[in-house]
Amino acid sequence: MDFDGRPRLVSKTGATRAAERALKAELTVRRGPGGAGVLTASSRMSAVVDALSAADHGWSNDTERTYRSTVRTQVSQPSVGCACVR
């Protein structure tokens, strides 16, 4: 699956071992960044909410308050917050 989340067919040609190395290198590049704090399809919705909350949106105080209230009452419930993104 590419960085944008879409599956694509990838192939490389050449001598068997060279093609295998080239394919592995291409797949590594296509995978995109990883590491701590990166959201993936297996991330919990609560992690998505935390990431959105931590970002600076430039929202007005009222918008920020409404967002946090909605998150607290709708998304922070275990049935939603523990669900995976996928």
Protein backbone atom coordinates (compact mmCIF):
# COMPACT_ATOMS: atom_id res chain seq x y z
CA MET A 1 0.00 0.00 0.00
CA ASP A 2 1.36 3.40 -0.94
CA PHE A 3 1.77 6.35 1.40
CA ASP A 4 -1.65 7.66 0.33
CA GLY A 5 -3.27 4.40 1.43
CA ARG A 6 -4.02 3.09 -2.04
CA PRO A 7 -2.75 -0.33 -3.14
CA ARG A 8 -0.74 -0.30 -6.35
CA LEU A 9 1.06 -2.97 -8.34
CA VAL A 10 4.84 -2.49 -8.23
CA SER A 11 7.37 -4.42 -10.31
CA LYS A 12 11.07 -4.26 -11.14
CA THR A 13 12.94 -6.13 -13.84
CA GLY A 14 16.46 -7.45 -14.18
CA ALA A 15 18.47 -10.42 -12.99
CA THR A 16 16.59 -12.18 -10.20
CA ARG A 17 18.62 -10.92 -7.24
CA ALA A 18 19.02 -7.41 -8.68
CA ALA A 19 15.29 -7.17 -9.38
CA GLU A 20 14.53 -8.39 -5.87
CA ARG A 21 16.82 -5.76 -4.32
CA ALA A 22 15.34 -3.03 -6.53
CA LEU A 23 11.79 -4.10 -5.62
CA LYS A 24 12.56 -4.09 -1.89
CA ALA A 25 14.12 -0.63 -2.19
CA GLU A 26 11.09 0.68 -4.11
CA LEU A 27 8.64 -0.75 -1.57
CA THR A 28 10.58 0.82 1.29
CA VAL A 29 10.36 4.23 -0.36
CA ARG A 30 6.64 3.84 -1.13
CA ARG A 31 5.77 2.86 2.41
CA GLY A 32 6.20 6.42 3.65
CA PRO A 33 7.35 7.74 6.98
CA GLY A 34 6.90 5.75 10.14
CA GLY A 35 7.83 5.93 13.77
CA ALA A 36 6.30 7.13 16.98
CA GLY A 37 3.26 9.33 16.65
CA VAL A 38 2.40 8.29 13.10
CA LEU A 39 -1.23 7.38 12.55
CA THR A 40 -1.90 4.17 10.64
CA ALA A 41 -4.93 2.09 9.75
CA SER A 42 -4.46 0.19 13.02
CA SER A 43 -4.38 3.38 15.12
CA ARG A 44 -7.20 3.84 17.60
CA MET A 45 -9.70 6.64 17.08
CA SER A 46 -8.60 8.07 20.43
CA ALA A 47 -5.09 8.55 18.93
CA VAL A 48 -6.61 10.41 15.97
CA VAL A 49 -8.53 12.66 18.36
CA ASP A 50 -5.36 13.30 20.38
CA ALA A 51 -3.45 14.23 17.20
CA LEU A 52 -6.22 16.58 16.07
CA SER A 53 -6.43 18.16 19.50
CA ALA A 54 -2.67 18.75 19.61
CA ALA A 55 -2.60 20.49 16.21
CA ASP A 56 -2.85 24.26 15.96
CA HIS A 57 -5.93 24.98 13.85
CA GLY A 58 -6.27 28.70 14.48
CA TRP A 59 -9.86 28.10 15.53
CA SER A 60 -11.84 30.63 17.52
CA ASN A 61 -12.40 29.89 21.21
CA ASP A 62 -16.03 28.95 20.54
CA THR A 63 -15.07 26.50 17.79
CA GLU A 64 -12.39 24.95 19.99
CA ARG A 65 -14.87 24.60 22.86
CA THR A 66 -17.49 23.01 20.57
CA TYR A 67 -14.92 20.58 19.15
CA ARG A 68 -13.70 19.48 22.58
CA SER A 69 -17.28 19.08 23.84
CA THR A 70 -18.20 16.92 20.84
CA VAL A 71 -15.09 14.80 21.27
CA ARG A 72 -15.75 14.36 24.98
CA THR A 73 -19.38 13.29 24.49
CA GLN A 74 -19.21 11.40 21.18
CA VAL A 75 -15.72 10.10 20.41
CA SER A 76 -14.20 9.52 23.83
CA GLN A 77 -16.68 6.75 24.55
CA PRO A 78 -14.94 3.34 24.72
CA SER A 79 -17.08 2.02 21.87
CA VAL A 80 -15.66 4.67 19.51
CA GLY A 81 -12.31 5.65 21.04
CA CYS A 82 -11.07 2.05 21.10
CA ALA A 83 -12.07 1.36 17.50
CA CYS A 84 -9.35 1.17 14.85
CA VAL A 85 -9.26 3.71 12.04
CA ARG A 86 -9.65 1.04 9.37
